[in-house]
Amino acid sequence: MSLKIRLARAGAKKRPYYHIVVADSRSPRDGRFIEKVGSYNPMLPADHADRIRLVDERIKHWLSNGALATDRVARFLGNAGLAPKPTYNEQPKKSAPKAKAQERAKAAAAAAVAA
């Protein structure tokens, strides 16, 4: 059985609230899960204490039993020090502003500093 530590949505329409759960990877997102190990409330400010709540002991237990965290949950666990922080590749260079747009941005920044 492949275990995942992932988010399960529990909030009302336009009021998201998520439970952090351990579930079989084949079960539906909001469906059957094994254990609830935390919660995530994105409506709260980033520095609020109750935005992300984790049950450290149970998360360590499930990680030691082979559960894999999804990208978002891995970021939460990395910030809490329960798992290594995931690495993200650099953004593509093709989407960066071209030379003329970069010149305009520099000129606007210089004008803002001078003003």
C-alpha atoms as a PDB file:
ATOM      1  CA  MET A   1       0.000   0.000   0.000  1.00  0.00           C
ATOM      2  CA  SER A   2       1.458   3.359  -1.084  1.00  0.00           C
ATOM      3  CA  LEU A   3       0.919   5.993   1.597  1.00  0.00           C
ATOM      4  CA  LYS A   4       0.753   9.742   1.033  1.00  0.00           C
ATOM      5  CA  ILE A   5       0.674  12.651   3.453  1.00  0.00           C
ATOM      6  CA  ARG A   6      -1.561  15.115   1.625  1.00  0.00           C
ATOM      7  CA  LEU A   7      -4.232  17.786   1.941  1.00  0.00           C
ATOM      8  CA  ALA A   8      -7.955  17.004   2.108  1.00  0.00           C
ATOM      9  CA  ARG A   9     -10.270  19.957   1.591  1.00  0.00           C
ATOM     10  CA  ALA A  10     -12.857  20.558   4.294  1.00  0.00           C
ATOM     11  CA  GLY A  11     -13.914  24.198   3.916  1.00  0.00           C
ATOM     12  CA  ALA A  12     -17.012  25.853   2.532  1.00  0.00           C
ATOM     13  CA  LYS A  13     -17.230  27.477  -0.879  1.00  0.00           C
ATOM     14  CA  LYS A  14     -14.627  30.264  -1.176  1.00  0.00           C
ATOM     15  CA  ARG A  15     -13.518  29.546   2.430  1.00  0.00           C
ATOM     16  CA  PRO A  16     -10.789  26.909   2.012  1.00  0.00           C
ATOM     17  CA  TYR A  17      -9.670  24.826   4.968  1.00  0.00           C
ATOM     18  CA  TYR A  18      -7.568  21.701   4.669  1.00  0.00           C
ATOM     19  CA  HIS A  19      -6.843  18.696   6.860  1.00  0.00           C
ATOM     20  CA  ILE A  20      -3.384  17.166   6.534  1.00  0.00           C
ATOM     21  CA  VAL A  21      -4.038  13.436   6.358  1.00  0.00           C
ATOM     22  CA  VAL A  22      -2.248  10.150   5.797  1.00  0.00           C
ATOM     23  CA  ALA A  23      -4.077   8.216   3.083  1.00  0.00           C
ATOM     24  CA  ASP A  24      -3.665   5.426   0.588  1.00  0.00           C
ATOM     25  CA  SER A  25      -2.583   7.036  -2.682  1.00  0.00           C
ATOM     26  CA  ARG A  26      -5.502   5.373  -4.509  1.00  0.00           C
ATOM     27  CA  SER A  27      -8.248   6.851  -2.296  1.00  0.00           C
ATOM     28  CA  PRO A  28      -9.998  10.083  -3.364  1.00  0.00           C
ATOM     29  CA  ARG A  29      -8.705  13.485  -2.228  1.00  0.00           C
ATOM     30  CA  ASP A  30     -11.538  14.199   0.193  1.00  0.00           C
ATOM     31  CA  GLY A  31     -12.446  10.564   0.771  1.00  0.00           C
ATOM     32  CA  ARG A  32     -11.142   7.801   2.970  1.00  0.00           C
ATOM     33  CA  PHE A  33      -7.965   8.430   4.955  1.00  0.00           C
ATOM     34  CA  ILE A  34      -6.053   6.589   7.659  1.00  0.00           C
ATOM     35  CA  GLU A  35      -5.233   9.353  10.122  1.00  0.00           C
ATOM     36  CA  LYS A  36      -5.507  13.136  10.437  1.00  0.00           C
ATOM     37  CA  VAL A  37      -2.100  14.592  11.342  1.00  0.00           C
ATOM     38  CA  GLY A  38      -2.664  18.338  11.076  1.00  0.00           C
ATOM     39  CA  SER A  39      -4.545  21.196   9.479  1.00  0.00           C
ATOM     40  CA  TYR A  40      -3.905  24.138   7.152  1.00  0.00           C
ATOM     41  CA  ASN A  41      -5.999  27.303   7.059  1.00  0.00           C
ATOM     42  CA  PRO A  42      -4.898  29.493   4.115  1.00  0.00           C
ATOM     43  CA  MET A  43      -7.363  32.233   5.114  1.00  0.00           C
ATOM     44  CA  LEU A  44      -5.170  33.209   8.083  1.00  0.00           C
ATOM     45  CA  PRO A  45      -2.144  35.521   7.672  1.00  0.00           C
ATOM     46  CA  ALA A  46       1.184  33.816   6.949  1.00  0.00           C
ATOM     47  CA  ASP A  47       2.613  34.616  10.391  1.00  0.00           C
ATOM     48  CA  HIS A  48      -0.448  33.410  12.363  1.00  0.00           C
ATOM     49  CA  ALA A  49       0.222  30.530  14.778  1.00  0.00           C
ATOM     50  CA  ASP A  50      -2.840  28.473  13.742  1.00  0.00           C
ATOM     51  CA  ARG A  51      -2.282  28.700   9.967  1.00  0.00           C
ATOM     52  CA  ILE A  52      -0.455  25.345   9.919  1.00  0.00           C
ATOM     53  CA  ARG A  53      -0.864  22.874  12.780  1.00  0.00           C
ATOM     54  CA  LEU A  54       1.086  19.601  12.720  1.00  0.00           C
ATOM     55  CA  VAL A  55       1.173  16.568  15.030  1.00  0.00           C
ATOM     56  CA  ASP A  56       4.956  16.084  14.966  1.00  0.00           C
ATOM     57  CA  GLU A  57       5.090  12.653  16.606  1.00  0.00           C
ATOM     58  CA  ARG A  58       2.571  11.039  14.233  1.00  0.00           C
ATOM     59  CA  ILE A  59       4.106  12.637  11.139  1.00  0.00           C
ATOM     60  CA  LYS A  60       7.531  11.257  12.089  1.00  0.00           C
ATOM     61  CA  HIS A  61       5.920   7.851  12.615  1.00  0.00           C
ATOM     62  CA  TRP A  62       4.297   7.806   9.172  1.00  0.00           C
ATOM     63  CA  LEU A  63       7.417   9.120   7.425  1.00  0.00           C
ATOM     64  CA  SER A  64       9.418   6.314   9.034  1.00  0.00           C
ATOM     65  CA  ASN A  65       6.811   3.834   7.728  1.00  0.00           C
ATOM     66  CA  GLY A  66       7.365   4.992   4.158  1.00  0.00           C
ATOM     67  CA  ALA A  67       4.695   7.658   3.640  1.00  0.00           C
ATOM     68  CA  LEU A  68       5.588  10.274   1.022  1.00  0.00           C
ATOM     69  CA  ALA A  69       4.490  13.891   1.346  1.00  0.00           C
ATOM     70  CA  THR A  70       3.009  15.820  -1.570  1.00  0.00           C
ATOM     71  CA  ASP A  71       4.751  19.005  -2.766  1.00  0.00           C
ATOM     72  CA  ARG A  72       2.743  21.419  -0.627  1.00  0.00           C
ATOM     73  CA  VAL A  73       2.894  19.263   2.506  1.00  0.00           C
ATOM     74  CA  ALA A  74       6.631  18.654   1.976  1.00  0.00           C
ATOM     75  CA  ARG A  75       7.106  22.427   2.089  1.00  0.00           C
ATOM     76  CA  PHE A  76       5.178  22.596   5.396  1.00  0.00           C
ATOM     77  CA  LEU A  77       7.242  19.754   6.855  1.00  0.00           C
ATOM     78  CA  GLY A  78      10.489  21.345   5.675  1.00  0.00           C
ATOM     79  CA  ASN A  79       9.627  24.654   7.312  1.00  0.00           C
ATOM     80  CA  ALA A  80       8.749  22.828  10.540  1.00  0.00           C
ATOM     81  CA  GLY A  81      12.018  20.873  10.492  1.00  0.00           C
ATOM     82  CA  LEU A  82      10.337  17.453  10.263  1.00  0.00           C
ATOM     83  CA  ALA A  83      11.761  16.613   6.837  1.00  0.00           C
ATOM     84  CA  PRO A  84      14.362  18.076   4.482  1.00  0.00           C
ATOM     85  CA  LYS A  85      13.146  21.093   2.539  1.00  0.00           C
ATOM     86  CA  PRO A  86      12.289  20.278  -1.072  1.00  0.00           C
ATOM     87  CA  THR A  87      14.433  21.887  -3.742  1.00  0.00           C
ATOM     88  CA  TYR A  88      12.842  23.742  -6.607  1.00  0.00           C
ATOM     89  CA  ASN A  89      14.411  24.198  -9.999  1.00  0.00           C
ATOM     90  CA  GLU A  90      15.081  27.673 -11.331  1.00  0.00           C
ATOM     91  CA  GLN A  91      12.431  29.394 -13.372  1.00  0.00           C
ATOM     92  CA  PRO A  92      12.810  29.203 -17.152  1.00  0.00           C
ATOM     93  CA  LYS A  93      14.791  32.011 -18.742  1.00  0.00           C
ATOM     94  CA  LYS A  94      12.571  32.204 -21.824  1.00  0.00           C
ATOM     95  CA  SER A  95       9.784  33.831 -19.836  1.00  0.00           C
ATOM     96  CA  ALA A  96      12.040  36.574 -18.443  1.00  0.00           C
ATOM     97  CA  PRO A  97      11.531  40.091 -19.834  1.00  0.00           C
ATOM     98  CA  LYS A  98      13.510  40.802 -22.989  1.00  0.00           C
ATOM     99  CA  ALA A  99      16.279  43.429 -23.283  1.00  0.00           C
ATOM    100  CA  LYS A 100      14.083  46.458 -24.090  1.00  0.00           C
ATOM    101  CA  ALA A 101      11.667  45.685 -21.247  1.00  0.00           C
ATOM    102  CA  GLN A 102      14.599  45.334 -18.825  1.00  0.00           C
ATOM    103  CA  GLU A 103      15.934  48.730 -19.947  1.00  0.00           C
ATOM    104  CA  ARG A 104      12.526  50.334 -19.391  1.00  0.00           C
ATOM    105  CA  ALA A 105      12.336  48.777 -15.922  1.00  0.00           C
ATOM    106  CA  LYS A 106      15.807  50.096 -15.024  1.00  0.00           C
ATOM    107  CA  ALA A 107      14.870  53.562 -16.277  1.00  0.00           C
ATOM    108  CA  ALA A 108      11.648  53.532 -14.254  1.00  0.00           C
ATOM    109  CA  ALA A 109      13.540  52.418 -11.129  1.00  0.00           C
ATOM    110  CA  ALA A 110      16.136  55.175 -11.631  1.00  0.00           C
ATOM    111  CA  ALA A 111      13.371  57.750 -12.083  1.00  0.00           C
ATOM    112  CA  ALA A 112      11.666  56.545  -8.903  1.00  0.00           C
ATOM    113  CA  VAL A 113      14.911  56.861  -6.926  1.00  0.00           C
ATOM    114  CA  ALA A 114      15.542  60.350  -8.325  1.00  0.00           C
ATOM    115  CA  ALA A 115      12.034  61.537  -7.474  1.00  0.00           C
END
